[in-house]
Amino acid sequence: MIDKLLLGNLRFRETDFTPNIDYYKELAGSQHPTTLWIACSDSRLQSGHITQARAGELFIQRNIGNIVPIHDWNFATVLEYAVMHMHVSDVVICGHSNCGAIRALDHETNDSYIPLWLNNAREAKTRVDARIKTPETVLEKEERYRQIEQENVRLQIEHLYTYPLLKKAVAEKQVEVHGLYYDLGTGALSRVT
């Protein structure tokens, strides 16, 4: 696999880096992203690829389940750096279809860390299960997961607003917050409201 990655890098340098050398030289000196992009670590969700964003446009935070944990130093430093020092104008939380983290909410496990982390998304499952009937068919079960995935985006936006610096930046109209949902089967990116 490493050889494949290195070959891919060679192709990247030949087809993108070298033809756009001035752009990449400018990026090497500094970055000025416009968006903090919070997404799942899922290998099928390539943020720059699905949005056609160029290198330097997205400041990316990825983790299992596109979670914004409350009172987390790692996340807080990313948020603070993006808002206070990079001066991003948008913060995006992007969920996606067929999310393993969301499906894991239905299963007990002996894992040490994953269940603790997923507690940050459990409320999304609780909300959806409270408003729909118990799914019986495969289609109903898939629809339930889709609803939980999208509700999780809303929940993580709520978590974002627990950070005073984000609340202040939004109030001062320096930053806008957006929820997006990526469908792996269609390639479509849509708003979550």
C-alpha atoms as a PDB file:
ATOM      1  CA  MET A   1       0.000   0.000   0.000  1.00  0.00           C
ATOM      2  CA  ILE A   2       2.827   2.428   0.787  1.00  0.00           C
ATOM      3  CA  ASP A   3       4.199   2.010  -2.733  1.00  0.00           C
ATOM      4  CA  LYS A   4       0.745   2.817  -4.118  1.00  0.00           C
ATOM      5  CA  LEU A   5       0.581   5.974  -1.993  1.00  0.00           C
ATOM      6  CA  LEU A   6       4.045   7.070  -3.094  1.00  0.00           C
ATOM      7  CA  LEU A   7       3.132   6.446  -6.738  1.00  0.00           C
ATOM      8  CA  GLY A   8      -0.018   8.488  -6.217  1.00  0.00           C
ATOM      9  CA  ASN A   9       2.105  11.296  -4.823  1.00  0.00           C
ATOM     10  CA  LEU A  10       4.309  11.178  -7.904  1.00  0.00           C
ATOM     11  CA  ARG A  11       1.232  11.507 -10.128  1.00  0.00           C
ATOM     12  CA  PHE A  12      -0.049  14.375  -7.945  1.00  0.00           C
ATOM     13  CA  ARG A  13       3.245  16.218  -8.321  1.00  0.00           C
ATOM     14  CA  GLU A  14       3.219  15.699 -12.093  1.00  0.00           C
ATOM     15  CA  THR A  15      -0.427  16.548 -12.773  1.00  0.00           C
ATOM     16  CA  ASP A  16      -1.293  19.131 -10.091  1.00  0.00           C
ATOM     17  CA  PHE A  17       1.650  20.345  -8.007  1.00  0.00           C
ATOM     18  CA  THR A  18       4.113  21.200 -10.789  1.00  0.00           C
ATOM     19  CA  PRO A  19       1.548  22.828 -13.121  1.00  0.00           C
ATOM     20  CA  ASN A  20       0.347  24.945 -10.150  1.00  0.00           C
ATOM     21  CA  ILE A  21       3.743  25.503  -8.509  1.00  0.00           C
ATOM     22  CA  ASP A  22       3.126  29.197  -7.790  1.00  0.00           C
ATOM     23  CA  TYR A  23      -0.034  28.378  -5.871  1.00  0.00           C
ATOM     24  CA  TYR A  24       1.679  25.666  -3.829  1.00  0.00           C
ATOM     25  CA  LYS A  25       4.711  27.895  -3.138  1.00  0.00           C
ATOM     26  CA  GLU A  26       2.346  30.504  -1.705  1.00  0.00           C
ATOM     27  CA  LEU A  27       0.661  27.824   0.420  1.00  0.00           C
ATOM     28  CA  ALA A  28       4.036  26.641   1.698  1.00  0.00           C
ATOM     29  CA  GLY A  29       4.534  30.080   3.249  1.00  0.00           C
ATOM     30  CA  SER A  30       1.147  30.443   4.953  1.00  0.00           C
ATOM     31  CA  GLN A  31      -2.407  29.203   4.979  1.00  0.00           C
ATOM     32  CA  HIS A  32      -5.642  31.159   4.838  1.00  0.00           C
ATOM     33  CA  PRO A  33      -8.505  28.652   4.953  1.00  0.00           C
ATOM     34  CA  THR A  34     -12.028  30.020   4.824  1.00  0.00           C
ATOM     35  CA  THR A  35     -13.755  27.058   6.456  1.00  0.00           C
ATOM     36  CA  LEU A  36     -13.283  24.863   9.518  1.00  0.00           C
ATOM     37  CA  TRP A  37     -14.543  21.485   8.273  1.00  0.00           C
ATOM     38  CA  ILE A  38     -15.515  18.983  10.993  1.00  0.00           C
ATOM     39  CA  ALA A  39     -16.118  15.550   9.511  1.00  0.00           C
ATOM     40  CA  CYS A  40     -15.982  11.841  10.205  1.00  0.00           C
ATOM     41  CA  SER A  41     -12.724   9.924   9.886  1.00  0.00           C
ATOM     42  CA  ASP A  42     -14.452   7.499   7.512  1.00  0.00           C
ATOM     43  CA  SER A  43     -12.088   6.729   4.632  1.00  0.00           C
ATOM     44  CA  ARG A  44     -14.899   7.111   2.097  1.00  0.00           C
ATOM     45  CA  LEU A  45     -15.430  10.777   3.002  1.00  0.00           C
ATOM     46  CA  GLN A  46     -12.667  12.825   1.362  1.00  0.00           C
ATOM     47  CA  SER A  47     -13.598  16.405   2.229  1.00  0.00           C
ATOM     48  CA  GLY A  48     -11.569  18.232  -0.408  1.00  0.00           C
ATOM     49  CA  HIS A  49     -12.495  15.721  -3.078  1.00  0.00           C
ATOM     50  CA  ILE A  50     -16.273  15.857  -2.566  1.00  0.00           C
ATOM     51  CA  THR A  51     -16.323  19.681  -2.414  1.00  0.00           C
ATOM     52  CA  GLN A  52     -13.628  20.342  -5.024  1.00  0.00           C
ATOM     53  CA  ALA A  53     -11.924  22.546  -2.428  1.00  0.00           C
ATOM     54  CA  ARG A  54      -8.306  23.253  -3.216  1.00  0.00           C
ATOM     55  CA  ALA A  55      -5.454  22.728  -0.790  1.00  0.00           C
ATOM     56  CA  GLY A  56      -5.489  25.568   1.728  1.00  0.00           C
ATOM     57  CA  GLU A  57      -9.249  26.222   1.655  1.00  0.00           C
ATOM     58  CA  LEU A  58     -10.398  23.815   4.395  1.00  0.00           C
ATOM     59  CA  PHE A  59      -8.996  23.612   7.925  1.00  0.00           C
ATOM     60  CA  ILE A  60     -10.017  20.047   8.766  1.00  0.00           C
ATOM     61  CA  GLN A  61     -10.875  18.300  12.041  1.00  0.00           C
ATOM     62  CA  ARG A  62     -11.844  14.664  11.605  1.00  0.00           C
ATOM     63  CA  ASN A  63     -12.866  12.076  14.169  1.00  0.00           C
ATOM     64  CA  ILE A  64     -15.140   9.085  14.572  1.00  0.00           C
ATOM     65  CA  GLY A  65     -18.731  10.266  14.028  1.00  0.00           C
ATOM     66  CA  ASN A  66     -17.976  13.954  13.187  1.00  0.00           C
ATOM     67  CA  ILE A  67     -18.326  14.722  16.871  1.00  0.00           C
ATOM     68  CA  VAL A  68     -17.842  18.044  18.640  1.00  0.00           C
ATOM     69  CA  PRO A  69     -17.082  16.882  22.164  1.00  0.00           C
ATOM     70  CA  ILE A  70     -17.966  19.244  24.990  1.00  0.00           C
ATOM     71  CA  HIS A  71     -14.992  20.410  27.088  1.00  0.00           C
ATOM     72  CA  ASP A  72     -12.367  18.697  24.945  1.00  0.00           C
ATOM     73  CA  TRP A  73      -8.926  20.335  24.822  1.00  0.00           C
ATOM     74  CA  ASN A  74      -8.040  18.858  21.456  1.00  0.00           C
ATOM     75  CA  PHE A  75     -11.191  20.124  19.800  1.00  0.00           C
ATOM     76  CA  ALA A  76     -11.048  23.451  21.638  1.00  0.00           C
ATOM     77  CA  THR A  77      -7.555  24.151  20.309  1.00  0.00           C
ATOM     78  CA  VAL A  78      -8.642  23.407  16.729  1.00  0.00           C
ATOM     79  CA  LEU A  79     -11.690  25.655  17.092  1.00  0.00           C
ATOM     80  CA  GLU A  80      -9.722  28.439  18.746  1.00  0.00           C
ATOM     81  CA  TYR A  81      -6.972  28.345  16.142  1.00  0.00           C
ATOM     82  CA  ALA A  82      -9.454  28.277  13.242  1.00  0.00           C
ATOM     83  CA  VAL A  83     -11.635  31.116  14.548  1.00  0.00           C
ATOM     84  CA  MET A  84      -9.113  33.339  16.345  1.00  0.00           C
ATOM     85  CA  HIS A  85      -5.986  32.902  14.236  1.00  0.00           C
ATOM     86  CA  MET A  86      -7.071  31.599  10.824  1.00  0.00           C
ATOM     87  CA  HIS A  87     -10.174  33.830  10.850  1.00  0.00           C
ATOM     88  CA  VAL A  88     -12.361  31.269   9.099  1.00  0.00           C
ATOM     89  CA  SER A  89     -15.733  32.635   8.054  1.00  0.00           C
ATOM     90  CA  ASP A  90     -17.570  29.305   8.144  1.00  0.00           C
ATOM     91  CA  VAL A  91     -17.678  26.269  10.407  1.00  0.00           C
ATOM     92  CA  VAL A  92     -19.146  23.111   8.861  1.00  0.00           C
ATOM     93  CA  ILE A  93     -20.155  19.883  10.542  1.00  0.00           C
ATOM     94  CA  CYS A  94     -20.495  17.214   7.875  1.00  0.00           C
ATOM     95  CA  GLY A  95     -22.183  13.895   8.594  1.00  0.00           C
ATOM     96  CA  HIS A  96     -22.586  11.096   6.084  1.00  0.00           C
ATOM     97  CA  SER A  97     -24.645   8.068   5.127  1.00  0.00           C
ATOM     98  CA  ASN A  98     -23.803   4.553   6.298  1.00  0.00           C
ATOM     99  CA  CYS A  99     -21.848   5.962   9.253  1.00  0.00           C
ATOM    100  CA  GLY A 100     -20.355   3.161  11.318  1.00  0.00           C
ATOM    101  CA  ALA A 101     -20.289   5.353  14.426  1.00  0.00           C
ATOM    102  CA  ILE A 102     -24.034   5.909  14.259  1.00  0.00           C
ATOM    103  CA  ARG A 103     -24.715   2.224  13.664  1.00  0.00           C
ATOM    104  CA  ALA A 104     -22.460   1.358  16.606  1.00  0.00           C
ATOM    105  CA  LEU A 105     -24.856   3.225  18.908  1.00  0.00           C
ATOM    106  CA  ASP A 106     -27.156   0.191  18.615  1.00  0.00           C
ATOM    107  CA  HIS A 107     -24.569  -2.367  19.712  1.00  0.00           C
ATOM    108  CA  GLU A 108     -22.796  -3.308  22.907  1.00  0.00           C
ATOM    109  CA  THR A 109     -19.048  -3.756  22.600  1.00  0.00           C
ATOM    110  CA  ASN A 110     -16.027  -4.653  24.669  1.00  0.00           C
ATOM    111  CA  ASP A 111     -14.019  -1.791  23.172  1.00  0.00           C
ATOM    112  CA  SER A 112     -12.463   0.499  25.730  1.00  0.00           C
ATOM    113  CA  TYR A 113     -12.635   3.912  24.087  1.00  0.00           C
ATOM    114  CA  ILE A 114     -15.194   3.863  21.268  1.00  0.00           C
ATOM    115  CA  PRO A 115     -18.309   3.578  23.480  1.00  0.00           C
ATOM    116  CA  LEU A 116     -17.111   6.456  25.647  1.00  0.00           C
ATOM    117  CA  TRP A 117     -16.516   8.621  22.581  1.00  0.00           C
ATOM    118  CA  LEU A 118     -19.901   7.709  21.085  1.00  0.00           C
ATOM    119  CA  ASN A 119     -21.668   8.947  24.212  1.00  0.00           C
ATOM    120  CA  ASN A 120     -21.189  12.347  22.543  1.00  0.00           C
ATOM    121  CA  ALA A 121     -23.673  11.236  19.841  1.00  0.00           C
ATOM    122  CA  ARG A 122     -26.080   9.087  21.863  1.00  0.00           C
ATOM    123  CA  GLU A 123     -28.615  11.900  22.293  1.00  0.00           C
ATOM    124  CA  ALA A 124     -29.151  11.965  18.496  1.00  0.00           C
ATOM    125  CA  LYS A 125     -30.288   8.324  18.615  1.00  0.00           C
ATOM    126  CA  THR A 126     -32.520   9.022  21.621  1.00  0.00           C
ATOM    127  CA  ARG A 127     -34.218  11.946  19.844  1.00  0.00           C
ATOM    128  CA  VAL A 128     -34.927  10.019  16.644  1.00  0.00           C
ATOM    129  CA  ASP A 129     -36.142   6.898  18.451  1.00  0.00           C
ATOM    130  CA  ALA A 130     -38.538   9.068  20.487  1.00  0.00           C
ATOM    131  CA  ARG A 131     -40.193  10.507  17.373  1.00  0.00           C
ATOM    132  CA  ILE A 132     -40.474   7.477  15.048  1.00  0.00           C
ATOM    133  CA  LYS A 133     -42.024   4.044  15.393  1.00  0.00           C
ATOM    134  CA  THR A 134     -39.729   1.060  15.749  1.00  0.00           C
ATOM    135  CA  PRO A 135     -38.527   0.183  12.248  1.00  0.00           C
ATOM    136  CA  GLU A 136     -39.533  -3.217  10.943  1.00  0.00           C
ATOM    137  CA  THR A 137     -38.347  -3.394   7.353  1.00  0.00           C
ATOM    138  CA  VAL A 138     -34.819  -2.989   6.024  1.00  0.00           C
ATOM    139  CA  LEU A 139     -35.849   0.290   4.359  1.00  0.00           C
ATOM    140  CA  GLU A 140     -37.305   1.601   7.624  1.00  0.00           C
ATOM    141  CA  LYS A 141     -34.114   0.657   9.468  1.00  0.00           C
ATOM    142  CA  GLU A 142     -31.963   2.449   6.882  1.00  0.00           C
ATOM    143  CA  GLU A 143     -34.208   5.506   7.094  1.00  0.00           C
ATOM    144  CA  ARG A 144     -33.829   5.489  10.879  1.00  0.00           C
ATOM    145  CA  TYR A 145     -30.031   5.489  10.535  1.00  0.00           C
ATOM    146  CA  ARG A 146     -30.221   8.346   8.024  1.00  0.00           C
ATOM    147  CA  GLN A 147     -32.327  10.345  10.462  1.00  0.00           C
ATOM    148  CA  ILE A 148     -29.901   9.658  13.322  1.00  0.00           C
ATOM    149  CA  GLU A 149     -26.933  10.646  11.134  1.00  0.00           C
ATOM    150  CA  GLN A 150     -28.610  13.956  10.330  1.00  0.00           C
ATOM    151  CA  GLU A 151     -29.784  14.502  13.907  1.00  0.00           C
ATOM    152  CA  ASN A 152     -26.202  13.933  15.011  1.00  0.00           C
ATOM    153  CA  VAL A 153     -25.140  16.864  12.813  1.00  0.00           C
ATOM    154  CA  ARG A 154     -27.715  19.042  14.613  1.00  0.00           C
ATOM    155  CA  LEU A 155     -26.555  17.763  18.003  1.00  0.00           C
ATOM    156  CA  GLN A 156     -22.921  18.500  17.228  1.00  0.00           C
ATOM    157  CA  ILE A 157     -23.883  22.035  16.191  1.00  0.00           C
ATOM    158  CA  GLU A 158     -25.473  22.392  19.641  1.00  0.00           C
ATOM    159  CA  HIS A 159     -22.197  21.174  21.136  1.00  0.00           C
ATOM    160  CA  LEU A 160     -20.325  23.798  19.101  1.00  0.00           C
ATOM    161  CA  TYR A 161     -22.335  26.527  20.779  1.00  0.00           C
ATOM    162  CA  THR A 162     -21.124  25.399  24.221  1.00  0.00           C
ATOM    163  CA  TYR A 163     -17.770  26.953  23.302  1.00  0.00           C
ATOM    164  CA  PRO A 164     -17.927  30.654  24.278  1.00  0.00           C
ATOM    165  CA  LEU A 165     -15.473  31.747  21.580  1.00  0.00           C
ATOM    166  CA  LEU A 166     -17.730  30.266  18.875  1.00  0.00           C
ATOM    167  CA  LYS A 167     -20.857  31.853  20.356  1.00  0.00           C
ATOM    168  CA  LYS A 168     -19.084  35.225  20.437  1.00  0.00           C
ATOM    169  CA  ALA A 169     -17.801  34.903  16.849  1.00  0.00           C
ATOM    170  CA  VAL A 170     -21.300  34.021  15.600  1.00  0.00           C
ATOM    171  CA  ALA A 171     -22.898  36.858  17.582  1.00  0.00           C
ATOM    172  CA  GLU A 172     -20.375  39.291  16.085  1.00  0.00           C
ATOM    173  CA  LYS A 173     -21.138  37.865  12.604  1.00  0.00           C
ATOM    174  CA  GLN A 174     -17.531  36.772  12.099  1.00  0.00           C
ATOM    175  CA  VAL A 175     -18.494  33.125  11.605  1.00  0.00           C
ATOM    176  CA  GLU A 176     -21.480  31.192  10.279  1.00  0.00           C
ATOM    177  CA  VAL A 177     -22.193  27.589  11.270  1.00  0.00           C
ATOM    178  CA  HIS A 178     -23.521  25.037   8.776  1.00  0.00           C
ATOM    179  CA  GLY A 179     -24.631  21.423   8.907  1.00  0.00           C
ATOM    180  CA  LEU A 180     -24.068  19.264   5.833  1.00  0.00           C
ATOM    181  CA  TYR A 181     -24.779  15.634   4.986  1.00  0.00           C
ATOM    182  CA  TYR A 182     -22.932  13.578   2.382  1.00  0.00           C
ATOM    183  CA  ASP A 183     -24.667  10.629   0.718  1.00  0.00           C
ATOM    184  CA  LEU A 184     -22.045   8.012  -0.134  1.00  0.00           C
ATOM    185  CA  GLY A 185     -24.359   6.323  -2.622  1.00  0.00           C
ATOM    186  CA  THR A 186     -25.178   9.396  -4.707  1.00  0.00           C
ATOM    187  CA  GLY A 187     -22.239  11.702  -4.046  1.00  0.00           C
ATOM    188  CA  ALA A 188     -24.679  14.471  -3.077  1.00  0.00           C
ATOM    189  CA  LEU A 189     -23.844  16.974  -0.359  1.00  0.00           C
ATOM    190  CA  SER A 190     -26.905  18.658   1.175  1.00  0.00           C
ATOM    191  CA  ARG A 191     -27.736  21.061   3.983  1.00  0.00           C
ATOM    192  CA  VAL A 192     -28.970  19.811   7.341  1.00  0.00           C
ATOM    193  CA  THR A 193     -31.398  22.276   8.889  1.00  0.00           C
END
